[in-house]
PDB file of N, CA and C in Angstrom:
ATOM      1  N   MET A   1      -1.869   9.077  21.989  1.00  0.00           N
ATOM      2  CA  MET A   1      -2.029   8.131  22.127  1.00  0.00           C
ATOM      3  C   MET A   1      -0.850   7.466  21.301  1.00  0.00           C
ATOM      4  N   TYR A   2       0.240   6.617  21.860  1.00  0.00           N
ATOM      5  CA  TYR A   2       1.233   6.819  20.461  1.00  0.00           C
ATOM      6  C   TYR A   2       1.081   5.724  19.259  1.00  0.00           C
ATOM      7  N   TRP A   3       0.385   4.507  19.763  1.00  0.00           N
ATOM      8  CA  TRP A   3      -0.135   3.804  18.888  1.00  0.00           C
ATOM      9  C   TRP A   3      -1.147   4.173  17.804  1.00  0.00           C
ATOM     10  N   LYS A   4      -2.024   4.991  18.230  1.00  0.00           N
ATOM     11  CA  LYS A   4      -2.860   5.662  17.331  1.00  0.00           C
ATOM     12  C   LYS A   4      -2.238   6.814  16.232  1.00  0.00           C
ATOM     13  N   GLY A   5      -1.067   7.327  16.659  1.00  0.00           N
ATOM     14  CA  GLY A   5      -0.294   8.607  15.891  1.00  0.00           C
ATOM     15  C   GLY A   5       0.469   7.234  14.523  1.00  0.00           C
ATOM     16  N   LYS A   6       0.955   5.955  15.322  1.00  0.00           N
ATOM     17  CA  LYS A   6       1.539   5.230  14.229  1.00  0.00           C
ATOM     18  C   LYS A   6       0.901   4.520  13.162  1.00  0.00           C
ATOM     19  N   GLU A   7      -0.561   4.486  13.855  1.00  0.00           N
ATOM     20  CA  GLU A   7      -1.562   3.668  12.532  1.00  0.00           C
ATOM     21  C   GLU A   7      -1.867   4.570  11.717  1.00  0.00           C
ATOM     22  N   ASP A   8      -1.963   6.023  12.067  1.00  0.00           N
ATOM     23  CA  ASP A   8      -2.150   7.220  11.350  1.00  0.00           C
ATOM     24  C   ASP A   8      -1.209   7.224   9.999  1.00  0.00           C
ATOM     25  N   GLY A   9      -0.038   7.037  10.611  1.00  0.00           N
ATOM     26  CA  GLY A   9       1.353   6.968  10.048  1.00  0.00           C
ATOM     27  C   GLY A   9       1.504   6.081   9.091  1.00  0.00           C
ATOM     28  N   ILE A  10       0.617   4.605   9.310  1.00  0.00           N
ATOM     29  CA  ILE A  10       1.068   3.876   8.489  1.00  0.00           C
ATOM     30  C   ILE A  10      -0.370   3.998   6.850  1.00  0.00           C
ATOM     31  N   GLU A  11      -1.372   4.111   7.446  1.00  0.00           N
ATOM     32  CA  GLU A  11      -2.574   4.696   6.548  1.00  0.00           C
ATOM     33  C   GLU A  11      -2.074   5.948   5.906  1.00  0.00           C
ATOM     34  N   GLN A  12      -1.010   6.745   5.830  1.00  0.00           N
ATOM     35  CA  GLN A  12      -0.791   8.174   5.312  1.00  0.00           C
ATOM     36  C   GLN A  12       0.411   7.496   4.201  1.00  0.00           C
ATOM     37  N   ALA A  13       1.192   6.247   4.798  1.00  0.00           N
ATOM     38  CA  ALA A  13       1.748   5.976   4.076  1.00  0.00           C
ATOM     39  C   ALA A  13       1.336   4.939   3.014  1.00  0.00           C
ATOM     40  N   PHE A  14       0.622   4.193   2.882  1.00  0.00           N
ATOM     41  CA  PHE A  14      -0.230   3.696   2.033  1.00  0.00           C
ATOM     42  C   PHE A  14      -1.045   4.349   0.952  1.00  0.00           C
ATOM     43  N   ILE A  15      -1.824   5.262   1.694  1.00  0.00           N
ATOM     44  CA  ILE A  15      -2.273   6.450   0.740  1.00  0.00           C
ATOM     45  C   ILE A  15      -1.452   7.311   0.034  1.00  0.00           C
ATOM     46  N   ASP A  16      -0.073   7.360   0.474  1.00  0.00           N
ATOM     47  CA  ASP A  16       1.045   8.014  -0.415  1.00  0.00           C
ATOM     48  C   ASP A  16       1.416   7.040  -1.916  1.00  0.00           C
ATOM     49  N   ILE A  17       1.138   5.757  -1.410  1.00  0.00           N
ATOM     50  CA  ILE A  17       1.835   4.888  -2.923  1.00  0.00           C
ATOM     51  C   ILE A  17       0.237   4.318  -3.494  1.00  0.00           C
ATOM     52  N   GLY A  18      -0.807   4.769  -3.305  1.00  0.00           N
ATOM     53  CA  GLY A  18      -1.723   4.850  -4.146  1.00  0.00           C
ATOM     54  C   GLY A  18      -3.425   4.126  -3.364  1.00  0.00           C
ATOM     55  N   PHE A  19      -3.253   4.264  -2.200  1.00  0.00           N
ATOM     56  CA  PHE A  19      -4.170   2.883  -1.429  1.00  0.00           C
ATOM     57  C   PHE A  19      -5.440   4.442  -1.050  1.00  0.00           C
ATOM     58  N   ASP A  20      -6.474   4.297  -0.846  1.00  0.00           N
ATOM     59  CA  ASP A  20      -7.802   4.811  -0.482  1.00  0.00           C
ATOM     60  C   ASP A  20      -8.243   4.119   1.010  1.00  0.00           C
ATOM     61  N   LEU A  21      -8.182   4.851   1.612  1.00  0.00           N
ATOM     62  CA  LEU A  21      -9.383   4.358   3.402  1.00  0.00           C
ATOM     63  C   LEU A  21     -10.317   3.952   3.049  1.00  0.00           C
ATOM     64  N   VAL A  22     -10.864   2.460   3.203  1.00  0.00           N
ATOM     65  CA  VAL A  22     -11.878   2.365   3.164  1.00  0.00           C
ATOM     66  C   VAL A  22     -12.917   2.410   4.441  1.00  0.00           C
ATOM     67  N   GLU A  23     -11.968   1.875   5.251  1.00  0.00           N
ATOM     68  CA  GLU A  23     -12.617   1.724   6.561  1.00  0.00           C
ATOM     69  C   GLU A  23     -11.597   1.715   7.911  1.00  0.00           C
ATOM     70  N   ASP A  24     -11.596   2.675   8.805  1.00  0.00           N
ATOM     71  CA  ASP A  24     -10.748   2.372  10.097  1.00  0.00           C
ATOM     72  C   ASP A  24     -11.467   1.705  11.335  1.00  0.00           C
ATOM     73  N   MET A  25     -11.161   0.709  11.451  1.00  0.00           N
ATOM     74  CA  MET A  25     -11.897  -0.182  12.520  1.00  0.00           C
ATOM     75  C   MET A  25     -11.121  -0.103  14.013  1.00  0.00           C
ATOM     76  N   SER A  26     -10.093   0.634  13.887  1.00  0.00           N
ATOM     77  CA  SER A  26      -9.202   0.452  15.114  1.00  0.00           C
ATOM     78  C   SER A  26      -9.894   1.250  16.308  1.00  0.00           C
ATOM     79  N   ARG A  27     -10.687   1.992  15.682  1.00  0.00           N
ATOM     80  CA  ARG A  27     -11.409   2.848  17.019  1.00  0.00           C
ATOM     81  C   ARG A  27     -12.519   2.130  17.465  1.00  0.00           C
ATOM     82  N   ARG A  28     -12.637   0.902  17.028  1.00  0.00           N
ATOM     83  CA  ARG A  28     -13.911   0.083  17.250  1.00  0.00           C
ATOM     84  C   ARG A  28     -13.694  -1.048  18.881  1.00  0.00           C
ATOM     85  N   LYS A  29     -14.571  -0.954  19.611  1.00  0.00           N
ATOM     86  CA  LYS A  29     -13.894  -1.948  21.100  1.00  0.00           C
ATOM     87  C   LYS A  29     -13.929  -3.445  20.324  1.00  0.00           C
ATOM     88  N   LYS A  30     -14.884  -3.807  19.438  1.00  0.00           N
ATOM     89  CA  LYS A  30     -15.078  -4.979  18.295  1.00  0.00           C
ATOM     90  C   LYS A  30     -14.338  -4.838  17.111  1.00  0.00           C
ATOM     91  N   HIS A  31     -13.341  -5.146  16.865  1.00  0.00           N
ATOM     92  CA  HIS A  31     -12.983  -4.670  15.527  1.00  0.00           C
ATOM     93  C   HIS A  31     -11.974  -5.825  14.621  1.00  0.00           C
ATOM     94  N   LYS A  32     -12.063  -5.827  13.738  1.00  0.00           N
ATOM     95  CA  LYS A  32     -11.076  -6.767  12.644  1.00  0.00           C
ATOM     96  C   LYS A  32     -10.280  -6.077  11.953  1.00  0.00           C
ATOM     97  N   ALA A  33      -9.038  -6.156  12.219  1.00  0.00           N
ATOM     98  CA  ALA A  33      -7.964  -5.241  11.260  1.00  0.00           C
ATOM     99  C   ALA A  33      -7.921  -3.945  12.272  1.00  0.00           C
ATOM    100  N   ASP A  34      -7.135  -3.280  11.571  1.00  0.00           N
ATOM    101  CA  ASP A  34      -7.312  -1.674  12.032  1.00  0.00           C
ATOM    102  C   ASP A  34      -7.423  -0.261  11.059  1.00  0.00           C
ATOM    103  N   LYS A  35      -7.111  -1.000   9.966  1.00  0.00           N
ATOM    104  CA  LYS A  35      -7.454  -0.075   8.559  1.00  0.00           C
ATOM    105  C   LYS A  35      -7.833  -1.196   7.513  1.00  0.00           C
ATOM    106  N   VAL A  36      -8.523  -0.972   6.401  1.00  0.00           N
ATOM    107  CA  VAL A  36      -8.818  -1.268   5.386  1.00  0.00           C
ATOM    108  C   VAL A  36      -8.775  -0.712   4.449  1.00  0.00           C
ATOM    109  N   MET A  37      -7.788  -0.904   3.376  1.00  0.00           N
ATOM    110  CA  MET A  37      -7.361  -0.003   2.458  1.00  0.00           C
ATOM    111  C   MET A  37      -7.408  -0.774   0.952  1.00  0.00           C
ATOM    112  N   TYR A  38      -7.825  -0.064  -0.290  1.00  0.00           N
ATOM    113  CA  TYR A  38      -8.022  -0.167  -1.796  1.00  0.00           C
ATOM    114  C   TYR A  38      -7.090   0.355  -2.376  1.00  0.00           C
ATOM    115  N   ASN A  39      -6.373  -0.159  -3.556  1.00  0.00           N
ATOM    116  CA  ASN A  39      -5.734   0.525  -4.653  1.00  0.00           C
ATOM    117  C   ASN A  39      -6.858   0.052  -5.643  1.00  0.00           C
ATOM    118  N   SER A  40      -7.398   1.127  -6.332  1.00  0.00           N
ATOM    119  CA  SER A  40      -7.885   1.040  -7.715  1.00  0.00           C
ATOM    120  C   SER A  40      -7.383   0.277  -9.123  1.00  0.00           C
ATOM    121  N   THR A  41      -5.848   0.675  -9.089  1.00  0.00           N
ATOM    122  CA  THR A  41      -4.958   0.821 -10.040  1.00  0.00           C
ATOM    123  C   THR A  41      -4.775  -1.293  -9.760  1.00  0.00           C
ATOM    124  N   CYS A  42      -4.390  -1.795  -8.927  1.00  0.00           N
ATOM    125  CA  CYS A  42      -3.903  -3.237  -8.530  1.00  0.00           C
ATOM    126  C   CYS A  42      -5.478  -4.121  -8.469  1.00  0.00           C
ATOM    127  N   ASP A  43      -6.735  -2.908  -8.031  1.00  0.00           N
ATOM    128  CA  ASP A  43      -7.563  -3.796  -7.510  1.00  0.00           C
ATOM    129  C   ASP A  43      -7.349  -4.911  -6.219  1.00  0.00           C
ATOM    130  N   ILE A  44      -6.719  -4.491  -5.491  1.00  0.00           N
ATOM    131  CA  ILE A  44      -6.322  -5.083  -4.395  1.00  0.00           C
ATOM    132  C   ILE A  44      -7.113  -4.201  -3.027  1.00  0.00           C
ATOM    133  N   THR A  45      -7.982  -4.923  -2.151  1.00  0.00           N
ATOM    134  CA  THR A  45      -7.632  -4.890  -0.669  1.00  0.00           C
ATOM    135  C   THR A  45      -7.072  -5.381   0.408  1.00  0.00           C
ATOM    136  N   ILE A  46      -6.514  -4.639   0.981  1.00  0.00           N
ATOM    137  CA  ILE A  46      -5.709  -5.207   2.389  1.00  0.00           C
ATOM    138  C   ILE A  46      -6.139  -4.477   3.726  1.00  0.00           C
ATOM    139  N   ALA A  47      -6.376  -5.690   4.290  1.00  0.00           N
ATOM    140  CA  ALA A  47      -6.333  -5.567   5.697  1.00  0.00           C
ATOM    141  C   ALA A  47      -5.351  -5.543   6.677  1.00  0.00           C
ATOM    142  N   ILE A  48      -5.192  -4.013   7.187  1.00  0.00           N
ATOM    143  CA  ILE A  48      -3.915  -3.800   8.213  1.00  0.00           C
ATOM    144  C   ILE A  48      -3.883  -4.103   9.803  1.00  0.00           C
ATOM    145  N   ASP A  49      -3.086  -5.198  10.235  1.00  0.00           N
ATOM    146  CA  ASP A  49      -2.909  -4.834  11.792  1.00  0.00           C
ATOM    147  C   ASP A  49      -1.640  -4.379  12.205  1.00  0.00           C
ATOM    148  N   HIS A  50      -1.648  -3.430  12.362  1.00  0.00           N
ATOM    149  CA  HIS A  50      -0.370  -2.248  12.997  1.00  0.00           C
ATOM    150  C   HIS A  50      -0.063  -2.878  14.366  1.00  0.00           C
ATOM    151  N   LYS A  51       1.357  -3.132  14.360  1.00  0.00           N
ATOM    152  CA  LYS A  51       2.312  -3.080  15.518  1.00  0.00           C
ATOM    153  C   LYS A  51       3.068  -2.284  15.679  1.00  0.00           C
ATOM    154  N   SER A  52       2.828  -1.118  16.694  1.00  0.00           N
ATOM    155  CA  SER A  52       3.922  -0.379  17.046  1.00  0.00           C
ATOM    156  C   SER A  52       4.639  -0.729  18.440  1.00  0.00           C
ATOM    157  N   THR A  53       5.774  -0.174  18.751  1.00  0.00           N
ATOM    158  CA  THR A  53       6.683  -0.846  19.907  1.00  0.00           C
ATOM    159  C   THR A  53       7.295   0.402  19.983  1.00  0.00           C
ATOM    160  N   LYS A  54       7.650   0.717  21.750  1.00  0.00           N
ATOM    161  CA  LYS A  54       8.377   1.624  22.211  1.00  0.00           C
ATOM    162  C   LYS A  54       9.717   0.921  21.846  1.00  0.00           C
ATOM    163  N   ASN A  55      10.147  -0.238  21.661  1.00  0.00           N
ATOM    164  CA  ASN A  55      11.568  -1.165  21.603  1.00  0.00           C
ATOM    165  C   ASN A  55      12.076  -0.828  20.636  1.00  0.00           C
ATOM    166  N   LYS A  56      13.402  -0.454  20.659  1.00  0.00           N
ATOM    167  CA  LYS A  56      13.875   0.117  19.450  1.00  0.00           C
ATOM    168  C   LYS A  56      14.863  -1.285  18.517  1.00  0.00           C
ATOM    169  N   GLU A  57      14.695  -1.828  18.957  1.00  0.00           N
ATOM    170  CA  GLU A  57      15.481  -3.202  18.768  1.00  0.00           C
ATOM    171  C   GLU A  57      14.724  -3.868  17.699  1.00  0.00           C
ATOM    172  N   GLY A  58      13.187  -4.373  18.633  1.00  0.00           N
ATOM    173  CA  GLY A  58      12.408  -5.706  17.631  1.00  0.00           C
ATOM    174  C   GLY A  58      11.633  -5.704  18.200  1.00  0.00           C
ATOM    175  N   PHE A  59      10.882  -6.734  17.889  1.00  0.00           N
ATOM    176  CA  PHE A  59       9.671  -7.432  18.779  1.00  0.00           C
ATOM    177  C   PHE A  59       9.336  -8.660  18.039  1.00  0.00           C
ATOM    178  N   ARG A  60       8.698  -9.412  18.695  1.00  0.00           N
ATOM    179  CA  ARG A  60       8.383 -10.663  18.494  1.00  0.00           C
ATOM    180  C   ARG A  60       7.172 -11.034  17.277  1.00  0.00           C
ATOM    181  N   ILE A  61       7.272 -11.712  16.051  1.00  0.00           N
ATOM    182  CA  ILE A  61       5.680 -11.816  15.765  1.00  0.00           C
ATOM    183  C   ILE A  61       5.089 -13.476  15.944  1.00  0.00           C
ATOM    184  N   THR A  62       4.046 -13.667  16.410  1.00  0.00           N
ATOM    185  CA  THR A  62       3.344 -14.957  16.705  1.00  0.00           C
ATOM    186  C   THR A  62       2.750 -15.510  15.521  1.00  0.00           C
ATOM    187  N   LYS A  63       2.847 -16.819  15.618  1.00  0.00           N
ATOM    188  CA  LYS A  63       1.826 -17.514  14.658  1.00  0.00           C
ATOM    189  C   LYS A  63       0.540 -17.068  14.877  1.00  0.00           C
ATOM    190  N   GLU A  64       0.102 -16.896  16.189  1.00  0.00           N
ATOM    191  CA  GLU A  64      -1.209 -16.220  16.497  1.00  0.00           C
ATOM    192  C   GLU A  64      -1.459 -14.927  15.794  1.00  0.00           C
ATOM    193  N   MET A  65      -0.758 -13.920  15.802  1.00  0.00           N
ATOM    194  CA  MET A  65      -0.625 -12.661  14.955  1.00  0.00           C
ATOM    195  C   MET A  65      -1.124 -13.124  13.320  1.00  0.00           C
ATOM    196  N   LEU A  66      -0.023 -14.182  12.890  1.00  0.00           N
ATOM    197  CA  LEU A  66      -0.278 -14.385  11.564  1.00  0.00           C
ATOM    198  C   LEU A  66      -1.623 -14.812  11.164  1.00  0.00           C
ATOM    199  N   ASP A  67      -2.408 -15.948  11.935  1.00  0.00           N
ATOM    200  CA  ASP A  67      -3.184 -16.167  11.918  1.00  0.00           C
ATOM    201  C   ASP A  67      -4.369 -15.288  11.821  1.00  0.00           C
ATOM    202  N   LYS A  68      -4.282 -14.441  12.672  1.00  0.00           N
ATOM    203  CA  LYS A  68      -5.545 -13.247  13.024  1.00  0.00           C
ATOM    204  C   LYS A  68      -5.610 -12.604  11.897  1.00  0.00           C
ATOM    205  N   VAL A  69      -4.524 -11.989  11.256  1.00  0.00           N
ATOM    206  CA  VAL A  69      -4.712 -10.861  10.044  1.00  0.00           C
ATOM    207  C   VAL A  69      -4.937 -11.667   8.976  1.00  0.00           C
ATOM    208  N   LYS A  70      -4.263 -12.958   8.853  1.00  0.00           N
ATOM    209  CA  LYS A  70      -5.153 -14.194   7.902  1.00  0.00           C
ATOM    210  C   LYS A  70      -6.968 -13.982   7.740  1.00  0.00           C
ATOM    211  N   LEU A  71      -7.299 -14.216   8.909  1.00  0.00           N
ATOM    212  CA  LEU A  71      -8.368 -14.461   9.077  1.00  0.00           C
ATOM    213  C   LEU A  71      -9.649 -13.404   9.106  1.00  0.00           C
ATOM    214  N   GLU A  72      -8.937 -12.395   9.582  1.00  0.00           N
ATOM    215  CA  GLU A  72      -9.344 -10.858   9.709  1.00  0.00           C
ATOM    216  C   GLU A  72      -9.697 -10.409   8.034  1.00  0.00           C
ATOM    217  N   ALA A  73      -8.850 -10.790   7.379  1.00  0.00           N
ATOM    218  CA  ALA A  73      -8.720 -10.153   5.998  1.00  0.00           C
ATOM    219  C   ALA A  73      -9.601 -10.842   5.221  1.00  0.00           C
ATOM    220  N   GLY A  74     -10.257 -12.272   5.423  1.00  0.00           N
ATOM    221  CA  GLY A  74     -11.320 -13.047   5.120  1.00  0.00           C
ATOM    222  C   GLY A  74     -10.751 -13.408   3.565  1.00  0.00           C
ATOM    223  N   LYS A  75     -11.676 -13.679   2.473  1.00  0.00           N
ATOM    224  CA  LYS A  75     -11.373 -13.866   1.158  1.00  0.00           C
ATOM    225  C   LYS A  75     -11.322 -12.956   0.282  1.00  0.00           C
ATOM    226  N   ASP A  76     -11.847 -11.584   0.734  1.00  0.00           N
ATOM    227  CA  ASP A  76     -11.755 -10.677  -0.144  1.00  0.00           C
ATOM    228  C   ASP A  76     -10.560  -9.252   0.164  1.00  0.00           C
ATOM    229  N   ALA A  77      -9.518  -9.560   0.861  1.00  0.00           N
ATOM    230  CA  ALA A  77      -8.344  -8.790   0.944  1.00  0.00           C
ATOM    231  C   ALA A  77      -7.054  -9.758   1.477  1.00  0.00           C
ATOM    232  N   ILE A  78      -6.147  -8.946   1.795  1.00  0.00           N
ATOM    233  CA  ILE A  78      -4.412  -9.618   1.426  1.00  0.00           C
ATOM    234  C   ILE A  78      -4.717  -8.842   3.088  1.00  0.00           C
ATOM    235  N   GLY A  79      -4.555 -10.031   4.281  1.00  0.00           N
ATOM    236  CA  GLY A  79      -3.750  -9.586   5.729  1.00  0.00           C
ATOM    237  C   GLY A  79      -2.644  -9.112   5.330  1.00  0.00           C
ATOM    238  N   VAL A  80      -2.164  -7.960   6.079  1.00  0.00           N
ATOM    239  CA  VAL A  80      -0.784  -7.588   6.255  1.00  0.00           C
ATOM    240  C   VAL A  80      -0.395  -7.290   7.706  1.00  0.00           C
ATOM    241  N   ILE A  81       0.382  -7.475   8.032  1.00  0.00           N
ATOM    242  CA  ILE A  81       0.897  -6.748   9.205  1.00  0.00           C
ATOM    243  C   ILE A  81       1.843  -5.846   8.904  1.00  0.00           C
ATOM    244  N   THR A  82       1.546  -4.419   9.440  1.00  0.00           N
ATOM    245  CA  THR A  82       2.596  -3.644   9.379  1.00  0.00           C
ATOM    246  C   THR A  82       3.224  -3.459  10.941  1.00  0.00           C
ATOM    247  N   PHE A  83       4.632  -2.712  10.864  1.00  0.00           N
ATOM    248  CA  PHE A  83       5.012  -2.068  12.046  1.00  0.00           C
ATOM    249  C   PHE A  83       6.057  -1.140  12.045  1.00  0.00           C
ATOM    250  N   THR A  84       6.257  -0.499  12.956  1.00  0.00           N
ATOM    251  CA  THR A  84       7.596   0.380  13.132  1.00  0.00           C
ATOM    252  C   THR A  84       8.024   0.580  14.532  1.00  0.00           C
ATOM    253  N   LEU A  85       9.357   0.186  14.440  1.00  0.00           N
ATOM    254  CA  LEU A  85      10.248   0.759  15.666  1.00  0.00           C
ATOM    255  C   LEU A  85       9.981   1.771  16.544  1.00  0.00           C
ATOM    256  N   TYR A  86      10.500   1.973  17.607  1.00  0.00           N
ATOM    257  CA  TYR A  86      10.236   3.484  18.147  1.00  0.00           C
ATOM    258  C   TYR A  86      11.213   3.944  17.676  1.00  0.00           C
ATOM    259  N   GLU A  87      11.212   5.167  17.758  1.00  0.00           N
ATOM    260  CA  GLU A  87      12.321   6.659  17.111  1.00  0.00           C
ATOM    261  C   GLU A  87      12.558   6.076  15.491  1.00  0.00           C
ATOM    262  N   MET A  88      11.730   5.405  14.979  1.00  0.00           N
ATOM    263  CA  MET A  88      12.408   5.132  13.532  1.00  0.00           C
ATOM    264  C   MET A  88      11.290   5.587  12.645  1.00  0.00           C
ATOM    265  N   GLN A  89      11.444   6.141  11.443  1.00  0.00           N
ATOM    266  CA  GLN A  89      10.552   6.887  10.545  1.00  0.00           C
ATOM    267  C   GLN A  89      10.255   5.824   9.538  1.00  0.00           C
ATOM    268  N   ARG A  90      11.272   4.571   9.349  1.00  0.00           N
ATOM    269  CA  ARG A  90      10.654   3.827   7.954  1.00  0.00           C
ATOM    270  C   ARG A  90       9.215   2.459   8.581  1.00  0.00           C
ATOM    271  N   LYS A  91       8.781   2.102   7.751  1.00  0.00           N
ATOM    272  CA  LYS A  91       7.319   1.682   7.890  1.00  0.00           C
ATOM    273  C   LYS A  91       7.897   0.275   7.258  1.00  0.00           C
ATOM    274  N   TYR A  92       7.308  -0.741   7.886  1.00  0.00           N
ATOM    275  CA  TYR A  92       7.247  -2.044   7.289  1.00  0.00           C
ATOM    276  C   TYR A  92       6.211  -3.139   7.092  1.00  0.00           C
ATOM    277  N   VAL A  93       5.954  -4.133   5.975  1.00  0.00           N
ATOM    278  CA  VAL A  93       5.036  -4.536   5.992  1.00  0.00           C
ATOM    279  C   VAL A  93       5.397  -6.531   5.834  1.00  0.00           C
ATOM    280  N   ILE A  94       4.383  -7.154   6.489  1.00  0.00           N
ATOM    281  CA  ILE A  94       4.540  -8.484   6.316  1.00  0.00           C
ATOM    282  C   ILE A  94       3.391  -9.187   5.775  1.00  0.00           C
ATOM    283  N   ILE A  95       3.602  -9.331   4.696  1.00  0.00           N
ATOM    284  CA  ILE A  95       2.712 -10.114   4.392  1.00  0.00           C
ATOM    285  C   ILE A  95       3.270 -11.969   3.777  1.00  0.00           C
ATOM    286  N   GLU A  96       2.243 -12.541   3.542  1.00  0.00           N
ATOM    287  CA  GLU A  96       2.080 -13.927   3.290  1.00  0.00           C
ATOM    288  C   GLU A  96       2.680 -14.262   1.876  1.00  0.00           C
ATOM    289  N   ILE A  97       3.417 -14.997   1.677  1.00  0.00           N
ATOM    290  CA  ILE A  97       4.533 -15.002   0.269  1.00  0.00           C
ATOM    291  C   ILE A  97       3.384 -15.088  -0.998  1.00  0.00           C
ATOM    292  N   ASN A  98       2.438 -16.150  -1.001  1.00  0.00           N
ATOM    293  CA  ASN A  98       1.270 -16.440  -1.787  1.00  0.00           C
ATOM    294  C   ASN A  98       0.725 -15.295  -1.920  1.00  0.00           C
ATOM    295  N   ASP A  99       0.404 -14.168  -1.131  1.00  0.00           N
ATOM    296  CA  ASP A  99      -0.572 -13.001  -1.181  1.00  0.00           C
ATOM    297  C   ASP A  99      -0.005 -12.027  -2.047  1.00  0.00           C
ATOM    298  N   PHE A 100       1.311 -12.129  -1.831  1.00  0.00           N
ATOM    299  CA  PHE A 100       2.470 -10.640  -2.028  1.00  0.00           C
ATOM    300  C   PHE A 100       2.589 -11.201  -3.959  1.00  0.00           C
ATOM    301  N   GLY A 101       2.310 -12.473  -4.483  1.00  0.00           N
ATOM    302  CA  GLY A 101       2.002 -12.816  -5.416  1.00  0.00           C
ATOM    303  C   GLY A 101       1.266 -12.263  -6.284  1.00  0.00           C
ATOM    304  N   LEU A 102      -0.074 -11.911  -5.480  1.00  0.00           N
ATOM    305  CA  LEU A 102      -1.210 -11.279  -5.773  1.00  0.00           C
ATOM    306  C   LEU A 102      -1.263  -9.604  -6.225  1.00  0.00           C
ATOM    307  N   LEU A 103      -0.120  -9.199  -5.428  1.00  0.00           N
ATOM    308  CA  LEU A 103       0.240  -7.904  -5.887  1.00  0.00           C
ATOM    309  C   LEU A 103       1.200  -7.553  -6.906  1.00  0.00           C
ATOM    310  N   THR A 104       1.688  -8.638  -7.254  1.00  0.00           N
ATOM    311  CA  THR A 104       2.618  -8.619  -8.761  1.00  0.00           C
ATOM    312  C   THR A 104       1.680  -9.148 -10.238  1.00  0.00           C
ATOM    313  N   ARG A 105       0.394  -9.386 -10.098  1.00  0.00           N
ATOM    314  CA  ARG A 105      -0.164  -9.945 -11.179  1.00  0.00           C
ATOM    315  C   ARG A 105      -0.408  -8.730 -12.184  1.00  0.00           C
TER     316      ARG A 105
END
């Protein structure tokens, strides 16, 4: 499945920068986020909702997506939306700016 390979690629990208996988929830029927990861150096937990598309040009981020990832992260994690575009190796993160400040403390 295309989307699963992309989620696994995002997981590996976070591992490469120092995060550990806490839980892979994308295989559940009723789940919150796709991956939960933790960085012990920064003491940061992130809840990842990954969006993959076969569109080469872009896709739409909705308020519903932003609210959903925030709700799923709860108070103990930072909700992030990650995305990749079709046939592009670069990976991106969307994060609320106030939560981004937590990463720089």
